[in-house]
C-alpha atoms as a PDB file:
ATOM      1  CA  MET A   1     137.822  72.151 101.431  1.00  0.00           C
ATOM      2  CA  PRO A   2     134.875  72.480  98.987  1.00  0.00           C
ATOM      3  CA  THR A   3     135.699  73.048  95.310  1.00  0.00           C
ATOM      4  CA  LEU A   4     134.224  75.059  92.448  1.00  0.00           C
ATOM      5  CA  ASP A   5     133.707  73.342  89.099  1.00  0.00           C
ATOM      6  CA  GLY A   6     133.541  76.420  86.869  1.00  0.00           C
ATOM      7  CA  VAL A   7     131.556  79.534  86.084  1.00  0.00           C
ATOM      8  CA  LEU A   8     128.016  78.440  85.271  1.00  0.00           C
ATOM      9  CA  GLU A   9     126.397  81.756  84.344  1.00  0.00           C
ATOM     10  CA  THR A  10     127.519  85.087  82.970  1.00  0.00           C
ATOM     11  CA  CYS A  11     125.030  87.906  83.375  1.00  0.00           C
ATOM     12  CA  LEU A  12     124.660  91.114  81.358  1.00  0.00           C
ATOM     13  CA  TYR A  13     122.252  93.970  81.980  1.00  0.00           C
ATOM     14  CA  VAL A  14     120.826  95.525  78.822  1.00  0.00           C
ATOM     15  CA  ASP A  15     118.673  98.549  78.055  1.00  0.00           C
ATOM     16  CA  ASP A  16     116.597  96.949  75.292  1.00  0.00           C
ATOM     17  CA  LEU A  17     116.067  93.224  75.823  1.00  0.00           C
ATOM     18  CA  ASP A  18     114.648  92.577  72.346  1.00  0.00           C
ATOM     19  CA  ARG A  19     117.551  94.398  70.637  1.00  0.00           C
ATOM     20  CA  ALA A  20     120.115  92.479  72.690  1.00  0.00           C
ATOM     21  CA  ALA A  21     118.289  89.193  72.036  1.00  0.00           C
ATOM     22  CA  ARG A  22     118.457  89.792  68.269  1.00  0.00           C
ATOM     23  CA  PHE A  23     122.234  90.216  68.499  1.00  0.00           C
ATOM     24  CA  TYR A  24     122.823  87.092  70.585  1.00  0.00           C
ATOM     25  CA  GLU A  25     120.255  84.959  68.732  1.00  0.00           C
ATOM     26  CA  GLN A  26     120.707  86.117  65.133  1.00  0.00           C
ATOM     27  CA  VAL A  27     124.348  87.195  64.955  1.00  0.00           C
ATOM     28  CA  LEU A  28     125.905  84.810  67.484  1.00  0.00           C
ATOM     29  CA  THR A  29     123.245  82.085  66.955  1.00  0.00           C
ATOM     30  CA  LEU A  30     122.974  81.233  70.650  1.00  0.00           C
ATOM     31  CA  PRO A  31     119.977  79.007  71.396  1.00  0.00           C
ATOM     32  CA  ARG A  32     117.523  80.506  73.882  1.00  0.00           C
ATOM     33  CA  ILE A  33     116.795  78.095  76.725  1.00  0.00           C
ATOM     34  CA  ALA A  34     114.601  80.304  78.932  1.00  0.00           C
ATOM     35  CA  GLY A  35     113.173  83.766  79.247  1.00  0.00           C
ATOM     36  CA  ASP A  36     109.948  85.466  80.108  1.00  0.00           C
ATOM     37  CA  GLY A  37     110.204  88.135  77.437  1.00  0.00           C
ATOM     38  CA  GLU A  38     110.000  91.123  79.805  1.00  0.00           C
ATOM     39  CA  ARG A  39     112.684  90.537  82.412  1.00  0.00           C
ATOM     40  CA  PHE A  40     115.352  88.166  81.075  1.00  0.00           C
ATOM     41  CA  ARG A  41     116.583  85.753  78.419  1.00  0.00           C
ATOM     42  CA  ALA A  42     118.910  82.785  78.954  1.00  0.00           C
ATOM     43  CA  TYR A  43     121.163  81.246  76.294  1.00  0.00           C
ATOM     44  CA  ASP A  44     123.082  77.985  76.061  1.00  0.00           C
ATOM     45  CA  VAL A  45     126.762  78.636  75.368  1.00  0.00           C
ATOM     46  CA  GLY A  46     128.527  75.539  74.111  1.00  0.00           C
ATOM     47  CA  GLY A  47     126.464  73.179  76.257  1.00  0.00           C
ATOM     48  CA  ARG A  48     128.590  74.121  79.278  1.00  0.00           C
ATOM     49  CA  SER A  49     127.480  77.553  80.437  1.00  0.00           C
ATOM     50  CA  VAL A  50     124.628  80.037  80.318  1.00  0.00           C
ATOM     51  CA  LEU A  51     124.577  83.660  79.212  1.00  0.00           C
ATOM     52  CA  LEU A  52     121.836  85.616  80.964  1.00  0.00           C
ATOM     53  CA  LEU A  53     120.506  88.918  79.661  1.00  0.00           C
ATOM     54  CA  PHE A  54     118.488  90.962  82.140  1.00  0.00           C
ATOM     55  CA  ARG A  55     116.628  94.148  81.316  1.00  0.00           C
ATOM     56  CA  ARG A  56     118.464  96.858  83.219  1.00  0.00           C
ATOM     57  CA  GLY A  57     116.365  97.791  86.247  1.00  0.00           C
ATOM     58  CA  GLY A  58     114.127  94.756  85.754  1.00  0.00           C
ATOM     59  CA  THR A  59     115.605  92.720  88.603  1.00  0.00           C
ATOM     60  CA  LEU A  60     115.471  95.235  91.447  1.00  0.00           C
ATOM     61  CA  GLU A  61     112.732  93.329  93.278  1.00  0.00           C
ATOM     62  CA  THR A  62     112.981  89.869  94.823  1.00  0.00           C
ATOM     63  CA  VAL A  63     111.655  87.203  92.466  1.00  0.00           C
ATOM     64  CA  VAL A  64     109.497  84.593  94.189  1.00  0.00           C
ATOM     65  CA  LEU A  65     109.495  81.163  92.568  1.00  0.00           C
ATOM     66  CA  PRO A  66     107.802  77.925  93.653  1.00  0.00           C
ATOM     67  CA  GLY A  67     111.176  76.669  94.919  1.00  0.00           C
ATOM     68  CA  GLY A  68     112.422  79.832  96.643  1.00  0.00           C
ATOM     69  CA  THR A  69     113.519  83.380  95.936  1.00  0.00           C
ATOM     70  CA  ILE A  70     116.109  85.204  93.852  1.00  0.00           C
ATOM     71  CA  PRO A  71     117.465  88.327  95.567  1.00  0.00           C
ATOM     72  CA  PRO A  72     117.533  91.681  93.712  1.00  0.00           C
ATOM     73  CA  HIS A  73     120.508  92.465  91.455  1.00  0.00           C
ATOM     74  CA  ASP A  74     121.422  94.892  88.664  1.00  0.00           C
ATOM     75  CA  GLY A  75     124.429  96.408  86.949  1.00  0.00           C
ATOM     76  CA  HIS A  76     125.513  99.529  85.111  1.00  0.00           C
ATOM     77  CA  GLY A  77     128.167 100.310  82.562  1.00  0.00           C
ATOM     78  CA  PRO A  78     129.865  98.195  79.924  1.00  0.00           C
ATOM     79  CA  ALA A  79     130.968  94.745  81.039  1.00  0.00           C
ATOM     80  CA  HIS A  80     133.486  92.371  79.467  1.00  0.00           C
ATOM     81  CA  PHE A  81     133.303  88.623  78.916  1.00  0.00           C
ATOM     82  CA  ALA A  82     134.855  86.086  76.555  1.00  0.00           C
ATOM     83  CA  PHE A  83     133.564  83.222  74.457  1.00  0.00           C
ATOM     84  CA  ALA A  84     135.899  80.244  73.994  1.00  0.00           C
ATOM     85  CA  VAL A  85     136.540  79.581  70.291  1.00  0.00           C
ATOM     86  CA  GLY A  86     137.871  76.125  69.429  1.00  0.00           C
ATOM     87  CA  ASP A  87     140.689  76.980  67.030  1.00  0.00           C
ATOM     88  CA  GLU A  88     142.031  79.478  64.508  1.00  0.00           C
ATOM     89  CA  ALA A  89     139.680  78.282  61.730  1.00  0.00           C
ATOM     90  CA  GLU A  90     136.691  78.971  64.012  1.00  0.00           C
ATOM     91  CA  MET A  91     138.091  82.429  64.817  1.00  0.00           C
ATOM     92  CA  VAL A  92     138.331  83.231  61.102  1.00  0.00           C
ATOM     93  CA  ALA A  93     134.741  82.042  60.606  1.00  0.00           C
ATOM     94  CA  TRP A  94     133.532  84.215  63.496  1.00  0.00           C
ATOM     95  CA  GLU A  95     135.326  87.263  62.159  1.00  0.00           C
ATOM     96  CA  ARG A  96     133.702  86.702  58.763  1.00  0.00           C
ATOM     97  CA  ARG A  97     130.233  86.219  60.293  1.00  0.00           C
ATOM     98  CA  LEU A  98     130.541  89.324  62.466  1.00  0.00           C
ATOM     99  CA  GLY A  99     131.590  91.352  59.418  1.00  0.00           C
ATOM    100  CA  GLU A 100     128.624  90.031  57.419  1.00  0.00           C
ATOM    101  CA  HIS A 101     126.343  91.391  60.167  1.00  0.00           C
ATOM    102  CA  GLY A 102     128.068  94.779  60.284  1.00  0.00           C
ATOM    103  CA  VAL A 103     129.698  94.171  63.670  1.00  0.00           C
ATOM    104  CA  ALA A 104     132.985  96.077  63.756  1.00  0.00           C
ATOM    105  CA  VAL A 105     136.088  94.514  65.259  1.00  0.00           C
ATOM    106  CA  GLU A 106     137.333  96.890  67.955  1.00  0.00           C
ATOM    107  CA  GLY A 107     140.551  95.089  68.841  1.00  0.00           C
ATOM    108  CA  ARG A 108     142.755  92.067  68.313  1.00  0.00           C
ATOM    109  CA  THR A 109     145.403  90.533  70.566  1.00  0.00           C
ATOM    110  CA  ALA A 110     147.952  87.770  70.037  1.00  0.00           C
ATOM    111  CA  TRP A 111     148.783  86.328  73.468  1.00  0.00           C
ATOM    112  CA  PRO A 112     152.261  85.140  74.585  1.00  0.00           C
ATOM    113  CA  ARG A 113     150.929  81.604  75.232  1.00  0.00           C
ATOM    114  CA  GLY A 114     149.734  81.354  71.623  1.00  0.00           C
ATOM    115  CA  GLY A 115     146.055  82.211  71.895  1.00  0.00           C
ATOM    116  CA  ARG A 116     144.364  84.987  69.971  1.00  0.00           C
ATOM    117  CA  SER A 117     141.505  87.297  70.912  1.00  0.00           C
ATOM    118  CA  LEU A 118     139.064  89.333  68.866  1.00  0.00           C
ATOM    119  CA  TYR A 119     136.945  92.077  70.474  1.00  0.00           C
ATOM    120  CA  VAL A 120     133.572  93.531  69.429  1.00  0.00           C
ATOM    121  CA  ARG A 121     130.780  95.463  71.156  1.00  0.00           C
ATOM    122  CA  ASP A 122     127.229  94.241  71.591  1.00  0.00           C
ATOM    123  CA  PRO A 123     124.318  96.694  71.141  1.00  0.00           C
ATOM    124  CA  ASP A 124     124.620  97.812  74.802  1.00  0.00           C
ATOM    125  CA  GLY A 125     128.346  98.507  74.590  1.00  0.00           C
ATOM    126  CA  HIS A 126     129.491  95.373  76.402  1.00  0.00           C
ATOM    127  CA  LEU A 127     132.917  94.198  75.253  1.00  0.00           C
ATOM    128  CA  VAL A 128     132.532  90.706  73.763  1.00  0.00           C
ATOM    129  CA  GLU A 129     135.740  88.739  73.344  1.00  0.00           C
ATOM    130  CA  PHE A 130     136.260  85.649  71.193  1.00  0.00           C
ATOM    131  CA  ALA A 131     139.376  83.733  72.322  1.00  0.00           C
ATOM    132  CA  THR A 132     141.260  80.713  71.005  1.00  0.00           C
ATOM    133  CA  PRO A 133     143.141  78.286  73.273  1.00  0.00           C
ATOM    134  CA  GLY A 134     146.380  79.605  74.713  1.00  0.00           C
ATOM    135  CA  LEU A 135     144.951  82.716  76.338  1.00  0.00           C
ATOM    136  CA  TRP A 136     145.296  81.342  79.881  1.00  0.00           C
ATOM    137  CA  SER A 137     147.172  78.436  81.399  1.00  0.00           C
ATOM    138  CA  THR A 138     143.725  76.836  81.914  1.00  0.00           C
ATOM    139  CA  TYR A 139     142.599  77.454  78.337  1.00  0.00           C
END
């Protein structure tokens, strides 16, 4: 039976790519690793995964690359995803940084396993979660 090693990419569709990029680059300080400026941006998340931002409606045509093709895709409505935060001290630092940038905390949860989550919205209304270990049996 073949196995899966993890989730490599998380993809969000945004209305204003530059506005979204400012949030992820300036507020969350994610390093950009690719992006053509008009269609998408890609960010390194912790050296283990990639966050992709696509301009909503900008990926409705097949993309032809030297090595093959990428089929059309798109999405609508607010999505949810979570960033892994190493420990409680990191969570406190993130909450402080978000507050310094005027990003309101929308929710907080203390999980039965011991983890804690903090929820904010990005400029497109996507629910961004920051979670400490203990949220899941795998984290």
